[in-house]
Full PDB file with SEQRES, HELIX, SHEET, SSBOND, CRYST1, ORIGX, SCALE, CONECT and MASTER records, all heavy atoms in Angstrom:
SEQRES   1 A   41  LEU THR PHE THR LEU LEU LEU PRO ALA SER GLY LEU ARG          
SEQRES   2 A   41  HIS ASP ASP LEU ARG SER TRP LEU ARG ALA GLY PRO LEU          
SEQRES   3 A   41  PRO ASP ASP ALA ALA TRP LEU SER GLY PRO LEU SER ALA          
SEQRES   4 A   41  ALA HIS                                                      
HELIX    1 AA1 THR A    2  LEU A    6  3                                   5    
HELIX    2 AA2 LEU A    7  SER A   10  1                                   4    
HELIX    3 AA3 ASP A   15  ALA A   23  1                                   9    
HELIX    4 AA4 ASP A   29  ALA A   31  5                                   3    
CRYST1    1.000    1.000    1.000  90.00  90.00  90.00 P 1           1          
ORIGX1      1.000000  0.000000  0.000000        0.00000                         
ORIGX2      0.000000  1.000000  0.000000        0.00000                         
ORIGX3      0.000000  0.000000  1.000000        0.00000                         
SCALE1      1.000000  0.000000  0.000000        0.00000                         
SCALE2      0.000000  1.000000  0.000000        0.00000                         
SCALE3      0.000000  0.000000  1.000000        0.00000                         
ATOM      1  N   LEU A   1    -125.933 151.147  -7.711  1.00  0.00           N  
ATOM      2  CA  LEU A   1    -124.683 151.413  -7.014  1.00  0.00           C  
ATOM      3  C   LEU A   1    -123.783 152.352  -7.807  1.00  0.00           C  
ATOM      4  O   LEU A   1    -123.110 153.224  -7.252  1.00  0.00           O  
ATOM      5  CB  LEU A   1    -123.951 150.098  -6.735  1.00  0.00           C  
ATOM      6  CG  LEU A   1    -124.579 149.181  -5.674  1.00  0.00           C  
ATOM      7  CD1 LEU A   1    -123.794 147.886  -5.572  1.00  0.00           C  
ATOM      8  CD2 LEU A   1    -124.644 149.889  -4.335  1.00  0.00           C  
ATOM      9  N   THR A   2    -123.765 152.175  -9.122  1.00  0.00           N  
ATOM     10  CA  THR A   2    -122.916 153.022  -9.960  1.00  0.00           C  
ATOM     11  C   THR A   2    -123.358 154.473  -9.920  1.00  0.00           C  
ATOM     12  O   THR A   2    -122.537 155.393  -9.747  1.00  0.00           O  
ATOM     13  CB  THR A   2    -122.928 152.516 -11.403  1.00  0.00           C  
ATOM     14  OG1 THR A   2    -122.403 151.179 -11.435  1.00  0.00           O  
ATOM     15  CG2 THR A   2    -122.086 153.399 -12.308  1.00  0.00           C  
ATOM     16  N   PHE A   3    -124.671 154.706 -10.049  1.00  0.00           N  
ATOM     17  CA  PHE A   3    -125.158 156.075 -10.146  1.00  0.00           C  
ATOM     18  C   PHE A   3    -125.319 156.752  -8.794  1.00  0.00           C  
ATOM     19  O   PHE A   3    -125.345 157.982  -8.729  1.00  0.00           O  
ATOM     20  CB  PHE A   3    -126.503 156.100 -10.898  1.00  0.00           C  
ATOM     21  CG  PHE A   3    -126.349 156.028 -12.385  1.00  0.00           C  
ATOM     22  CD1 PHE A   3    -126.359 154.815 -13.045  1.00  0.00           C  
ATOM     23  CD2 PHE A   3    -126.181 157.184 -13.133  1.00  0.00           C  
ATOM     24  CE1 PHE A   3    -126.214 154.737 -14.414  1.00  0.00           C  
ATOM     25  CE2 PHE A   3    -126.037 157.132 -14.512  1.00  0.00           C  
ATOM     26  CZ  PHE A   3    -126.047 155.898 -15.157  1.00  0.00           C  
ATOM     27  N   THR A   4    -125.439 155.987  -7.728  1.00  0.00           N  
ATOM     28  CA  THR A   4    -125.641 156.614  -6.418  1.00  0.00           C  
ATOM     29  C   THR A   4    -124.415 156.576  -5.533  1.00  0.00           C  
ATOM     30  O   THR A   4    -124.375 157.291  -4.526  1.00  0.00           O  
ATOM     31  CB  THR A   4    -126.802 155.926  -5.662  1.00  0.00           C  
ATOM     32  OG1 THR A   4    -126.472 154.534  -5.459  1.00  0.00           O  
ATOM     33  CG2 THR A   4    -128.089 156.033  -6.454  1.00  0.00           C  
ATOM     34  N   LEU A   5    -123.406 155.757  -5.894  1.00  0.00           N  
ATOM     35  CA  LEU A   5    -122.227 155.664  -5.032  1.00  0.00           C  
ATOM     36  C   LEU A   5    -120.930 155.835  -5.807  1.00  0.00           C  
ATOM     37  O   LEU A   5    -120.144 156.753  -5.535  1.00  0.00           O  
ATOM     38  CB  LEU A   5    -122.225 154.319  -4.299  1.00  0.00           C  
ATOM     39  CG  LEU A   5    -121.044 154.079  -3.352  1.00  0.00           C  
ATOM     40  CD1 LEU A   5    -121.036 155.112  -2.242  1.00  0.00           C  
ATOM     41  CD2 LEU A   5    -121.097 152.663  -2.772  1.00  0.00           C  
ATOM     42  N   LEU A   6    -120.684 154.967  -6.787  1.00  0.00           N  
ATOM     43  CA  LEU A   6    -119.383 154.977  -7.465  1.00  0.00           C  
ATOM     44  C   LEU A   6    -119.165 156.252  -8.272  1.00  0.00           C  
ATOM     45  O   LEU A   6    -118.092 156.855  -8.226  1.00  0.00           O  
ATOM     46  CB  LEU A   6    -119.273 153.742  -8.369  1.00  0.00           C  
ATOM     47  CG  LEU A   6    -119.341 152.389  -7.660  1.00  0.00           C  
ATOM     48  CD1 LEU A   6    -119.204 151.261  -8.660  1.00  0.00           C  
ATOM     49  CD2 LEU A   6    -118.253 152.289  -6.593  1.00  0.00           C  
ATOM     50  N   LEU A   7    -120.172 156.655  -9.030  1.00  0.00           N  
ATOM     51  CA  LEU A   7    -120.003 157.847  -9.871  1.00  0.00           C  
ATOM     52  C   LEU A   7    -119.816 159.113  -9.027  1.00  0.00           C  
ATOM     53  O   LEU A   7    -118.876 159.886  -9.275  1.00  0.00           O  
ATOM     54  CB  LEU A   7    -121.185 157.982 -10.819  1.00  0.00           C  
ATOM     55  CG  LEU A   7    -121.085 159.082 -11.876  1.00  0.00           C  
ATOM     56  CD1 LEU A   7    -119.878 158.849 -12.773  1.00  0.00           C  
ATOM     57  CD2 LEU A   7    -122.354 159.139 -12.723  1.00  0.00           C  
ATOM     58  N   PRO A   8    -120.662 159.376  -8.020  1.00  0.00           N  
ATOM     59  CA  PRO A   8    -120.394 160.567  -7.192  1.00  0.00           C  
ATOM     60  C   PRO A   8    -119.063 160.486  -6.455  1.00  0.00           C  
ATOM     61  O   PRO A   8    -118.363 161.493  -6.312  1.00  0.00           O  
ATOM     62  CB  PRO A   8    -121.572 160.579  -6.206  1.00  0.00           C  
ATOM     63  CG  PRO A   8    -122.643 159.791  -6.877  1.00  0.00           C  
ATOM     64  CD  PRO A   8    -121.942 158.731  -7.666  1.00  0.00           C  
ATOM     65  N   ALA A   9    -118.691 159.264  -5.991  1.00  0.00           N  
ATOM     66  CA  ALA A   9    -117.431 159.135  -5.249  1.00  0.00           C  
ATOM     67  C   ALA A   9    -116.223 159.354  -6.135  1.00  0.00           C  
ATOM     68  O   ALA A   9    -115.164 159.791  -5.666  1.00  0.00           O  
ATOM     69  CB  ALA A   9    -117.351 157.753  -4.601  1.00  0.00           C  
ATOM     70  N   SER A  10    -116.335 159.078  -7.424  1.00  0.00           N  
ATOM     71  CA  SER A  10    -115.198 159.282  -8.322  1.00  0.00           C  
ATOM     72  C   SER A  10    -114.815 160.755  -8.409  1.00  0.00           C  
ATOM     73  O   SER A  10    -113.650 161.095  -8.668  1.00  0.00           O  
ATOM     74  CB  SER A  10    -115.533 158.735  -9.711  1.00  0.00           C  
ATOM     75  OG  SER A  10    -116.620 159.450 -10.299  1.00  0.00           O  
ATOM     76  N   GLY A  11    -115.776 161.638  -8.177  1.00  0.00           N  
ATOM     77  CA  GLY A  11    -115.457 163.058  -8.203  1.00  0.00           C  
ATOM     78  C   GLY A  11    -114.619 163.512  -7.038  1.00  0.00           C  
ATOM     79  O   GLY A  11    -113.994 164.584  -7.085  1.00  0.00           O  
ATOM     80  N   LEU A  12    -114.565 162.708  -5.960  1.00  0.00           N  
ATOM     81  CA  LEU A  12    -113.747 163.080  -4.807  1.00  0.00           C  
ATOM     82  C   LEU A  12    -112.257 162.906  -5.072  1.00  0.00           C  
ATOM     83  O   LEU A  12    -111.429 163.523  -4.408  1.00  0.00           O  
ATOM     84  CB  LEU A  12    -114.164 162.236  -3.591  1.00  0.00           C  
ATOM     85  CG  LEU A  12    -115.626 162.364  -3.146  1.00  0.00           C  
ATOM     86  CD1 LEU A  12    -115.899 161.443  -1.970  1.00  0.00           C  
ATOM     87  CD2 LEU A  12    -115.949 163.808  -2.787  1.00  0.00           C  
ATOM     88  N   ARG A  13    -111.924 162.094  -6.047  1.00  0.00           N  
ATOM     89  CA  ARG A  13    -110.514 161.832  -6.359  1.00  0.00           C  
ATOM     90  C   ARG A  13    -109.980 162.735  -7.464  1.00  0.00           C  
ATOM     91  O   ARG A  13    -108.772 162.872  -7.614  1.00  0.00           O  
ATOM     92  CB  ARG A  13    -110.332 160.366  -6.751  1.00  0.00           C  
ATOM     93  CG  ARG A  13    -110.733 159.392  -5.650  1.00  0.00           C  
ATOM     94  CD  ARG A  13    -110.533 157.956  -6.093  1.00  0.00           C  
ATOM     95  NE  ARG A  13    -109.137 157.697  -6.446  1.00  0.00           N  
ATOM     96  CZ  ARG A  13    -108.217 157.296  -5.580  1.00  0.00           C  
ATOM     97  NH1 ARG A  13    -108.542 157.132  -4.301  1.00  0.00           N  
ATOM     98  NH2 ARG A  13    -106.971 157.071  -5.967  1.00  0.00           N  
ATOM     99  N   HIS A  14    -110.877 163.297  -8.239  1.00  0.00           N  
ATOM    100  CA  HIS A  14    -110.448 164.138  -9.363  1.00  0.00           C  
ATOM    101  C   HIS A  14    -111.263 165.432  -9.339  1.00  0.00           C  
ATOM    102  O   HIS A  14    -112.488 165.398  -9.492  1.00  0.00           O  
ATOM    103  CB  HIS A  14    -110.651 163.411 -10.696  1.00  0.00           C  
ATOM    104  CG  HIS A  14    -109.959 162.084 -10.758  1.00  0.00           C  
ATOM    105  ND1 HIS A  14    -108.602 161.950 -10.979  1.00  0.00           N  
ATOM    106  CD2 HIS A  14    -110.440 160.820 -10.613  1.00  0.00           C  
ATOM    107  CE1 HIS A  14    -108.274 160.671 -10.980  1.00  0.00           C  
ATOM    108  NE2 HIS A  14    -109.375 159.962 -10.761  1.00  0.00           N  
ATOM    109  N   ASP A  15    -110.578 166.544  -9.159  1.00  0.00           N  
ATOM    110  CA  ASP A  15    -111.270 167.822  -9.064  1.00  0.00           C  
ATOM    111  C   ASP A  15    -112.006 168.164 -10.347  1.00  0.00           C  
ATOM    112  O   ASP A  15    -113.130 168.694 -10.312  1.00  0.00           O  
ATOM    113  CB  ASP A  15    -110.271 168.933  -8.724  1.00  0.00           C  
ATOM    114  CG  ASP A  15    -109.675 168.754  -7.330  1.00  0.00           C  
ATOM    115  OD1 ASP A  15    -110.295 168.030  -6.526  1.00  0.00           O  
ATOM    116  OD2 ASP A  15    -108.596 169.328  -7.066  1.00  0.00           O  
ATOM    117  N   ASP A  16    -111.379 167.901 -11.498  1.00  0.00           N  
ATOM    118  CA  ASP A  16    -112.019 168.235 -12.770  1.00  0.00           C  
ATOM    119  C   ASP A  16    -113.293 167.415 -12.964  1.00  0.00           C  
ATOM    120  O   ASP A  16    -114.316 167.933 -13.432  1.00  0.00           O  
ATOM    121  CB  ASP A  16    -111.051 167.978 -13.928  1.00  0.00           C  
ATOM    122  CG  ASP A  16    -109.868 168.933 -13.915  1.00  0.00           C  
ATOM    123  OD1 ASP A  16    -109.985 169.995 -13.265  1.00  0.00           O  
ATOM    124  OD2 ASP A  16    -108.840 168.612 -14.541  1.00  0.00           O  
ATOM    125  N   LEU A  17    -113.224 166.130 -12.601  1.00  0.00           N  
ATOM    126  CA  LEU A  17    -114.408 165.288 -12.731  1.00  0.00           C  
ATOM    127  C   LEU A  17    -115.506 165.742 -11.780  1.00  0.00           C  
ATOM    128  O   LEU A  17    -116.692 165.743 -12.143  1.00  0.00           O  
ATOM    129  CB  LEU A  17    -114.040 163.828 -12.467  1.00  0.00           C  
ATOM    130  CG  LEU A  17    -115.187 162.808 -12.552  1.00  0.00           C  
ATOM    131  CD1 LEU A  17    -115.832 162.842 -13.924  1.00  0.00           C  
ATOM    132  CD2 LEU A  17    -114.683 161.411 -12.224  1.00  0.00           C  
ATOM    133  N   ARG A  18    -115.137 166.158 -10.569  1.00  0.00           N  
ATOM    134  CA  ARG A  18    -116.129 166.631  -9.615  1.00  0.00           C  
ATOM    135  C   ARG A  18    -116.837 167.872 -10.142  1.00  0.00           C  
ATOM    136  O   ARG A  18    -118.067 168.001 -10.049  1.00  0.00           O  
ATOM    137  CB  ARG A  18    -115.475 166.921  -8.270  1.00  0.00           C  
ATOM    138  CG  ARG A  18    -116.475 167.413  -7.219  1.00  0.00           C  
ATOM    139  CD  ARG A  18    -115.877 167.480  -5.826  1.00  0.00           C  
ATOM    140  NE  ARG A  18    -114.795 168.454  -5.730  1.00  0.00           N  
ATOM    141  CZ  ARG A  18    -113.515 168.137  -5.549  1.00  0.00           C  
ATOM    142  NH1 ARG A  18    -113.166 166.857  -5.433  1.00  0.00           N  
ATOM    143  NH2 ARG A  18    -112.580 169.062  -5.478  1.00  0.00           N  
ATOM    144  N   SER A  19    -116.066 168.790 -10.713  1.00  0.00           N  
ATOM    145  CA  SER A  19    -116.671 170.008 -11.261  1.00  0.00           C  
ATOM    146  C   SER A  19    -117.588 169.687 -12.428  1.00  0.00           C  
ATOM    147  O   SER A  19    -118.666 170.283 -12.574  1.00  0.00           O  
ATOM    148  CB  SER A  19    -115.564 170.979 -11.707  1.00  0.00           C  
ATOM    149  OG  SER A  19    -114.729 171.315 -10.615  1.00  0.00           O  
ATOM    150  N   TRP A  20    -117.163 168.708 -13.252  1.00  0.00           N  
ATOM    151  CA  TRP A  20    -117.988 168.334 -14.413  1.00  0.00           C  
ATOM    152  C   TRP A  20    -119.289 167.674 -13.962  1.00  0.00           C  
ATOM    153  O   TRP A  20    -120.360 167.940 -14.521  1.00  0.00           O  
ATOM    154  CB  TRP A  20    -117.187 167.383 -15.294  1.00  0.00           C  
ATOM    155  CG  TRP A  20    -117.935 166.944 -16.522  1.00  0.00           C  
ATOM    156  CD1 TRP A  20    -118.131 167.648 -17.667  1.00  0.00           C  
ATOM    157  CD2 TRP A  20    -118.577 165.686 -16.703  1.00  0.00           C  
ATOM    158  NE1 TRP A  20    -118.860 166.909 -18.574  1.00  0.00           N  
ATOM    159  CE2 TRP A  20    -119.156 165.694 -18.002  1.00  0.00           C  
ATOM    160  CE3 TRP A  20    -118.730 164.548 -15.911  1.00  0.00           C  
ATOM    161  CZ2 TRP A  20    -119.864 164.621 -18.503  1.00  0.00           C  
ATOM    162  CZ3 TRP A  20    -119.434 163.480 -16.408  1.00  0.00           C  
ATOM    163  CH2 TRP A  20    -119.999 163.502 -17.692  1.00  0.00           C  
ATOM    164  N   LEU A  21    -119.221 166.815 -12.930  1.00  0.00           N  
ATOM    165  CA  LEU A  21    -120.437 166.168 -12.425  1.00  0.00           C  
ATOM    166  C   LEU A  21    -121.393 167.177 -11.804  1.00  0.00           C  
ATOM    167  O   LEU A  21    -122.614 167.103 -12.005  1.00  0.00           O  
ATOM    168  CB  LEU A  21    -120.064 165.098 -11.389  1.00  0.00           C  
ATOM    169  CG  LEU A  21    -119.393 163.833 -11.916  1.00  0.00           C  
ATOM    170  CD1 LEU A  21    -118.947 162.947 -10.766  1.00  0.00           C  
ATOM    171  CD2 LEU A  21    -120.325 163.065 -12.841  1.00  0.00           C  
ATOM    172  N   ARG A  22    -120.834 168.132 -11.052  1.00  0.00           N  
ATOM    173  CA  ARG A  22    -121.693 169.122 -10.417  1.00  0.00           C  
ATOM    174  C   ARG A  22    -122.375 170.024 -11.435  1.00  0.00           C  
ATOM    175  O   ARG A  22    -123.474 170.528 -11.184  1.00  0.00           O  
ATOM    176  CB  ARG A  22    -120.876 169.973  -9.446  1.00  0.00           C  
ATOM    177  CG  ARG A  22    -120.427 169.225  -8.198  1.00  0.00           C  
ATOM    178  CD  ARG A  22    -119.626 170.110  -7.269  1.00  0.00           C  
ATOM    179  NE  ARG A  22    -119.269 169.416  -6.033  1.00  0.00           N  
ATOM    180  CZ  ARG A  22    -118.568 169.952  -5.045  1.00  0.00           C  
ATOM    181  NH1 ARG A  22    -118.138 171.213  -5.158  1.00  0.00           N  
ATOM    182  NH2 ARG A  22    -118.281 169.260  -3.961  1.00  0.00           N  
ATOM    183  N   ALA A  23    -121.743 170.225 -12.576  1.00  0.00           N  
ATOM    184  CA  ALA A  23    -122.322 171.105 -13.598  1.00  0.00           C  
ATOM    185  C   ALA A  23    -123.319 170.385 -14.496  1.00  0.00           C  
ATOM    186  O   ALA A  23    -124.095 171.038 -15.201  1.00  0.00           O  
ATOM    187  CB  ALA A  23    -121.214 171.709 -14.459  1.00  0.00           C  
ATOM    188  N   GLY A  24    -123.317 169.047 -14.490  1.00  0.00           N  
ATOM    189  CA  GLY A  24    -124.175 168.292 -15.386  1.00  0.00           C  
ATOM    190  C   GLY A  24    -125.350 167.642 -14.681  1.00  0.00           C  
ATOM    191  O   GLY A  24    -125.570 167.815 -13.482  1.00  0.00           O  
ATOM    192  N   PRO A  25    -126.124 166.858 -15.427  1.00  0.00           N  
ATOM    193  CA  PRO A  25    -127.326 166.228 -14.851  1.00  0.00           C  
ATOM    194  C   PRO A  25    -127.043 164.937 -14.089  1.00  0.00           C  
ATOM    195  O   PRO A  25    -127.937 164.406 -13.437  1.00  0.00           O  
ATOM    196  CB  PRO A  25    -128.174 165.933 -16.099  1.00  0.00           C  
ATOM    197  CG  PRO A  25    -127.161 165.696 -17.192  1.00  0.00           C  
ATOM    198  CD  PRO A  25    -126.001 166.626 -16.873  1.00  0.00           C  
ATOM    199  N   LEU A  26    -125.814 164.409 -14.163  1.00  0.00           N  
ATOM    200  CA  LEU A  26    -125.491 163.149 -13.494  1.00  0.00           C  
ATOM    201  C   LEU A  26    -125.373 163.343 -11.980  1.00  0.00           C  
ATOM    202  O   LEU A  26    -125.108 164.446 -11.514  1.00  0.00           O  
ATOM    203  CB  LEU A  26    -124.189 162.577 -14.056  1.00  0.00           C  
ATOM    204  CG  LEU A  26    -124.231 162.132 -15.525  1.00  0.00           C  
ATOM    205  CD1 LEU A  26    -122.847 161.693 -15.981  1.00  0.00           C  
ATOM    206  CD2 LEU A  26    -125.239 161.006 -15.726  1.00  0.00           C  
ATOM    207  N   PRO A  27    -125.572 162.279 -11.207  1.00  0.00           N  
ATOM    208  CA  PRO A  27    -125.435 162.400  -9.742  1.00  0.00           C  
ATOM    209  C   PRO A  27    -124.025 162.802  -9.346  1.00  0.00           C  
ATOM    210  O   PRO A  27    -123.042 162.364  -9.944  1.00  0.00           O  
ATOM    211  CB  PRO A  27    -125.769 160.983  -9.247  1.00  0.00           C  
ATOM    212  CG  PRO A  27    -126.520 160.328 -10.353  1.00  0.00           C  
ATOM    213  CD  PRO A  27    -125.994 160.923 -11.619  1.00  0.00           C  
ATOM    214  N   ASP A  28    -123.918 163.654  -8.339  1.00  0.00           N  
ATOM    215  CA  ASP A  28    -122.614 164.085  -7.845  1.00  0.00           C  
ATOM    216  C   ASP A  28    -122.624 164.063  -6.316  1.00  0.00           C  
ATOM    217  O   ASP A  28    -123.593 163.616  -5.697  1.00  0.00           O  
ATOM    218  CB  ASP A  28    -122.262 165.487  -8.375  1.00  0.00           C  
ATOM    219  CG  ASP A  28    -123.328 166.499  -8.028  1.00  0.00           C  
ATOM    220  OD1 ASP A  28    -123.534 166.746  -6.832  1.00  0.00           O  
ATOM    221  OD2 ASP A  28    -123.978 167.036  -8.952  1.00  0.00           O  
ATOM    222  N   ASP A  29    -121.539 164.537  -5.715  1.00  0.00           N  
ATOM    223  CA  ASP A  29    -121.422 164.467  -4.266  1.00  0.00           C  
ATOM    224  C   ASP A  29    -122.300 165.476  -3.542  1.00  0.00           C  
ATOM    225  O   ASP A  29    -122.292 165.538  -2.305  1.00  0.00           O  
ATOM    226  CB  ASP A  29    -119.968 164.665  -3.849  1.00  0.00           C  
ATOM    227  CG  ASP A  29    -119.425 166.019  -4.309  1.00  0.00           C  
ATOM    228  OD1 ASP A  29    -120.029 166.634  -5.204  1.00  0.00           O  
ATOM    229  OD2 ASP A  29    -118.393 166.444  -3.767  1.00  0.00           O  
ATOM    230  N   ALA A  30    -123.069 166.273  -4.271  1.00  0.00           N  
ATOM    231  CA  ALA A  30    -123.962 167.242  -3.623  1.00  0.00           C  
ATOM    232  C   ALA A  30    -125.004 166.538  -2.760  1.00  0.00           C  
ATOM    233  O   ALA A  30    -125.517 167.113  -1.800  1.00  0.00           O  
ATOM    234  CB  ALA A  30    -124.645 168.119  -4.669  1.00  0.00           C  
ATOM    235  N   ALA A  31    -125.330 165.274  -3.113  1.00  0.00           N  
ATOM    236  CA  ALA A  31    -126.306 164.528  -2.317  1.00  0.00           C  
ATOM    237  C   ALA A  31    -125.796 164.225  -0.931  1.00  0.00           C  
ATOM    238  O   ALA A  31    -126.579 163.929  -0.022  1.00  0.00           O  
ATOM    239  CB  ALA A  31    -126.678 163.236  -3.047  1.00  0.00           C  
ATOM    240  N   TRP A  32    -124.483 164.263  -0.745  1.00  0.00           N  
ATOM    241  CA  TRP A  32    -123.896 163.948   0.563  1.00  0.00           C  
ATOM    242  C   TRP A  32    -123.581 165.199   1.373  1.00  0.00           C  
ATOM    243  O   TRP A  32    -123.278 165.098   2.554  1.00  0.00           O  
ATOM    244  CB  TRP A  32    -122.599 163.158   0.390  1.00  0.00           C  
ATOM    245  CG  TRP A  32    -122.750 161.942  -0.469  1.00  0.00           C  
ATOM    246  CD1 TRP A  32    -123.887 161.243  -0.699  1.00  0.00           C  
ATOM    247  CD2 TRP A  32    -121.722 161.293  -1.217  1.00  0.00           C  
ATOM    248  NE1 TRP A  32    -123.651 160.186  -1.542  1.00  0.00           N  
ATOM    249  CE2 TRP A  32    -122.326 160.185  -1.874  1.00  0.00           C  
ATOM    250  CE3 TRP A  32    -120.367 161.524  -1.392  1.00  0.00           C  
ATOM    251  CZ2 TRP A  32    -121.605 159.325  -2.694  1.00  0.00           C  
ATOM    252  CZ3 TRP A  32    -119.650 160.661  -2.204  1.00  0.00           C  
ATOM    253  CH2 TRP A  32    -120.259 159.572  -2.854  1.00  0.00           C  
ATOM    254  N   LEU A  33    -123.597 166.373   0.738  1.00  0.00           N  
ATOM    255  CA  LEU A  33    -123.177 167.605   1.408  1.00  0.00           C  
ATOM    256  C   LEU A  33    -124.362 168.273   2.089  1.00  0.00           C  
ATOM    257  O   LEU A  33    -125.488 168.246   1.582  1.00  0.00           O  
ATOM    258  CB  LEU A  33    -122.548 168.559   0.392  1.00  0.00           C  
ATOM    259  CG  LEU A  33    -121.321 168.010  -0.357  1.00  0.00           C  
ATOM    260  CD1 LEU A  33    -120.829 169.043  -1.357  1.00  0.00           C  
ATOM    261  CD2 LEU A  33    -120.220 167.627   0.618  1.00  0.00           C  
ATOM    262  N   SER A  34    -124.109 168.865   3.215  1.00  0.00           N  
ATOM    263  CA  SER A  34    -125.170 169.542   3.957  1.00  0.00           C  
ATOM    264  C   SER A  34    -125.394 170.970   3.511  1.00  0.00           C  
ATOM    265  O   SER A  34    -126.302 171.637   4.006  1.00  0.00           O  
ATOM    266  CB  SER A  34    -124.822 169.538   5.452  1.00  0.00           C  
ATOM    267  OG  SER A  34    -123.576 170.191   5.679  1.00  0.00           O  
ATOM    268  N   GLY A  35    -124.568 171.458   2.606  1.00  0.00           N  
ATOM    269  CA  GLY A  35    -124.709 172.827   2.140  1.00  0.00           C  
ATOM    270  C   GLY A  35    -123.647 173.738   2.727  1.00  0.00           C  
ATOM    271  O   GLY A  35    -122.788 173.314   3.513  1.00  0.00           O  
ATOM    272  N   PRO A  36    -123.658 175.007   2.375  1.00  0.00           N  
ATOM    273  CA  PRO A  36    -122.620 175.934   2.861  1.00  0.00           C  
ATOM    274  C   PRO A  36    -122.737 176.172   4.363  1.00  0.00           C  
ATOM    275  O   PRO A  36    -123.822 176.101   4.947  1.00  0.00           O  
ATOM    276  CB  PRO A  36    -122.904 177.212   2.066  1.00  0.00           C  
ATOM    277  CG  PRO A  36    -124.351 177.114   1.690  1.00  0.00           C  
ATOM    278  CD  PRO A  36    -124.623 175.665   1.473  1.00  0.00           C  
ATOM    279  N   LEU A  37    -121.592 176.449   5.003  1.00  0.00           N  
ATOM    280  CA  LEU A  37    -121.562 176.765   6.429  1.00  0.00           C  
ATOM    281  C   LEU A  37    -122.147 178.144   6.683  1.00  0.00           C  
ATOM    282  O   LEU A  37    -122.152 179.012   5.806  1.00  0.00           O  
ATOM    283  CB  LEU A  37    -120.133 176.705   6.955  1.00  0.00           C  
ATOM    284  CG  LEU A  37    -119.478 175.322   7.052  1.00  0.00           C  
ATOM    285  CD1 LEU A  37    -118.021 175.481   7.441  1.00  0.00           C  
ATOM    286  CD2 LEU A  37    -120.211 174.439   8.046  1.00  0.00           C  
ATOM    287  N   SER A  38    -122.642 178.324   7.881  1.00  0.00           N  
ATOM    288  CA  SER A  38    -123.117 179.654   8.260  1.00  0.00           C  
ATOM    289  C   SER A  38    -121.918 180.595   8.380  1.00  0.00           C  
ATOM    290  O   SER A  38    -120.763 180.168   8.517  1.00  0.00           O  
ATOM    291  CB  SER A  38    -123.871 179.587   9.590  1.00  0.00           C  
ATOM    292  OG  SER A  38    -123.003 179.180  10.627  1.00  0.00           O  
ATOM    293  N   ALA A  39    -122.197 181.889   8.328  1.00  0.00           N  
ATOM    294  CA  ALA A  39    -121.116 182.878   8.398  1.00  0.00           C  
ATOM    295  C   ALA A  39    -120.333 182.771   9.699  1.00  0.00           C  
ATOM    296  O   ALA A  39    -119.119 182.999   9.740  1.00  0.00           O  
ATOM    297  CB  ALA A  39    -121.708 184.285   8.239  1.00  0.00           C  
ATOM    298  N   ALA A  40    -121.026 182.390  10.811  1.00  0.00           N  
ATOM    299  CA  ALA A  40    -120.342 182.299  12.095  1.00  0.00           C  
ATOM    300  C   ALA A  40    -119.318 181.182  12.123  1.00  0.00           C  
ATOM    301  O   ALA A  40    -118.358 181.227  12.901  1.00  0.00           O  
ATOM    302  CB  ALA A  40    -121.371 182.084  13.213  1.00  0.00           C  
ATOM    303  N   HIS A  41    -119.485 180.167  11.286  1.00  0.00           N  
ATOM    304  CA  HIS A  41    -118.563 179.032  11.249  1.00  0.00           C  
ATOM    305  C   HIS A  41    -117.636 179.077  10.038  1.00  0.00           C  
ATOM    306  O   HIS A  41    -116.968 178.091   9.730  1.00  0.00           O  
ATOM    307  CB  HIS A  41    -119.340 177.717  11.229  1.00  0.00           C  
ATOM    308  CG  HIS A  41    -120.069 177.435  12.500  1.00  0.00           C  
ATOM    309  ND1 HIS A  41    -121.243 176.711  12.535  1.00  0.00           N  
ATOM    310  CD2 HIS A  41    -119.804 177.796  13.787  1.00  0.00           C  
ATOM    311  CE1 HIS A  41    -121.664 176.618  13.789  1.00  0.00           C  
ATOM    312  NE2 HIS A  41    -120.805 177.264  14.572  1.00  0.00           N  
TER     313      HIS A  41                                                      
MASTER        0    0    0    4    0    0    0    6  312    1    0    4          
END                                                                             
């Protein structure tokens, strides 16, 4: 639960923590994102 939910969710409340998680090997919110939008959207 910590590595798949709490740790990635903590990055949603703190921008600096989110950037640090995305740059490192720890789980981040990228697992929940569908990726960049198409140019039309």
